[in-house]
Protein backbone atom coordinates (compact mmCIF):
# COMPACT_ATOMS: atom_id res chain seq x y z
CA MET A 1 -0.15 0.12 0.10
CA LYS A 2 1.60 3.12 -1.45
CA ILE A 3 0.76 6.66 0.42
CA GLN A 4 1.20 9.74 -1.07
CA ILE A 5 0.61 13.19 0.77
CA ASN A 6 0.25 16.05 -1.40
CA THR A 7 -0.38 20.21 0.08
CA ASP A 8 -0.91 23.15 -2.27
CA LYS A 9 1.13 26.20 -1.74
CA ASN A 10 -1.17 27.40 0.95
CA ILE A 11 -0.28 24.75 3.39
CA GLU A 12 3.44 23.96 4.49
CA GLY A 13 4.08 20.10 3.86
CA HIS A 14 6.92 18.91 5.63
CA GLU A 15 8.32 15.38 6.80
CA ARG A 16 6.36 15.42 10.55
CA LEU A 17 3.41 16.11 8.69
CA GLU A 18 3.60 13.31 6.02
CA THR A 19 4.91 10.73 9.05
CA TYR A 20 1.86 11.70 10.85
CA PHE A 21 -0.74 11.14 8.59
CA SER A 22 0.73 8.40 6.95
CA GLY A 23 0.50 6.66 10.04
CA GLU A 24 -2.69 7.47 11.08
CA LEU A 25 -3.54 6.19 6.88
CA GLU A 26 -2.16 2.82 7.79
CA LYS A 27 -3.40 2.23 11.38
CA GLY A 28 -6.92 3.24 10.06
CA LEU A 29 -7.03 1.42 7.13
CA ALA A 30 -5.05 -1.77 8.04
CA ARG A 31 -7.94 -4.03 7.80
CA PHE A 32 -8.25 -3.38 4.13
CA GLU A 33 -4.45 -3.01 3.41
CA GLU A 34 -4.12 -6.54 1.26
CA LYS A 35 -7.02 -4.58 -1.25
CA ILE A 36 -5.19 -1.11 -1.66
CA THR A 37 -2.75 -0.37 -4.06
CA ARG A 38 -2.33 3.21 -3.31
CA ILE A 39 -3.64 6.01 -1.39
CA GLU A 40 -3.48 9.90 -2.08
CA VAL A 41 -3.78 12.54 0.04
CA HIS A 42 -4.33 16.53 -1.13
CA PHE A 43 -4.63 18.80 1.50
CA GLY A 44 -5.51 22.24 0.69
CA ASP A 45 -6.26 25.80 2.01
CA GLU A 46 -9.18 27.09 -0.14
CA ASN A 47 -8.95 31.07 0.95
CA GLY A 48 -4.87 31.06 1.26
CA GLU A 49 -3.96 33.56 3.79
CA LYS A 50 -7.73 35.00 4.61
CA PHE A 51 -9.32 33.48 7.32
CA SER A 52 -13.00 31.46 6.98
CA LEU A 53 -14.63 28.94 8.75
CA ASN A 54 -14.16 25.64 7.41
CA ASP A 55 -11.27 26.54 4.50
CA LYS A 56 -9.03 23.79 5.01
CA LYS A 57 -10.07 20.89 2.78
CA CYS A 58 -8.65 17.09 3.21
CA LEU A 59 -9.30 15.03 -0.19
CA ILE A 60 -8.45 11.15 0.06
CA GLU A 61 -8.63 8.71 -2.68
CA VAL A 62 -7.96 5.07 -2.40
CA ARG A 63 -7.28 3.03 -5.54
CA ILE A 64 -8.52 -0.66 -4.92
CA ALA A 65 -7.10 -3.83 -7.00
CA ASN A 66 -9.73 -4.56 -9.80
CA LEU A 67 -11.96 -1.89 -9.22
CA GLN A 68 -12.46 2.25 -9.12
CA PRO A 69 -11.14 4.49 -7.40
CA ILE A 70 -13.04 5.86 -4.39
CA THR A 71 -12.92 9.49 -3.30
CA VAL A 72 -14.12 11.87 -0.12
CA THR A 73 -13.61 15.31 0.81
CA GLU A 74 -13.97 16.79 3.85
CA HIS A 75 -13.90 20.42 4.86
CA SER A 76 -12.44 22.04 8.38
CA ASP A 77 -11.05 24.79 10.34
CA THR A 78 -7.84 22.45 10.78
CA ILE A 79 -6.30 19.99 8.70
CA GLU A 80 -5.78 17.58 11.55
CA LYS A 81 -10.01 17.65 11.70
CA ALA A 82 -10.42 17.78 8.10
CA PHE A 83 -8.06 14.89 7.97
CA SER A 84 -9.78 13.04 10.51
CA GLY A 85 -13.28 13.49 9.41
CA ALA A 86 -12.00 12.53 5.73
CA LEU A 87 -10.69 9.02 7.51
CA ALA A 88 -13.82 8.10 8.93
CA LYS A 89 -16.06 8.94 5.60
CA ILE A 90 -13.41 6.71 3.58
CA LYS A 91 -13.35 3.89 5.98
CA LYS A 92 -17.15 3.78 5.71
CA SER A 93 -17.31 4.05 2.40
CA LEU A 94 -14.70 0.99 1.97
CA THR A 95 -16.47 -1.25 4.48
CA THR A 96 -19.58 -0.71 2.68
CA THR A 97 -17.94 -1.63 -0.33
CA PHE A 98 -16.46 -4.40 0.50
CA GLU A 99 -19.60 -5.89 2.46
CA LYS A 100 -21.16 -5.58 -0.82
CA MET A 101 -18.68 -7.29 -2.62
CA LYS A 102 -19.50 -10.40 -0.22
CA GLU A 103 -23.30 -10.19 -1.09
CA TYR A 104 -22.08 -11.75 -4.55
């Protein structure tokens, strides 16, 4: 399972940020790891320097072998909260997808 973290020009993407979020993804999606080939995370600040509520965005795209990618997006006032919300959404989506596959 390859993990790639991307940030826009308004968010500083340093090694500690990548290490933390990669670790959280590995823990959170561990039960799906044999089915997942790649995960891409995109962080963005939609308003740049201006202050606004819920202007931080986290998009998580999970690529699964032999299936279409699953993508979720979450907005919040910090990248950590946006990531947490997006991680919860992707877990739910993956659970639903794999449960449906078991039925057939």
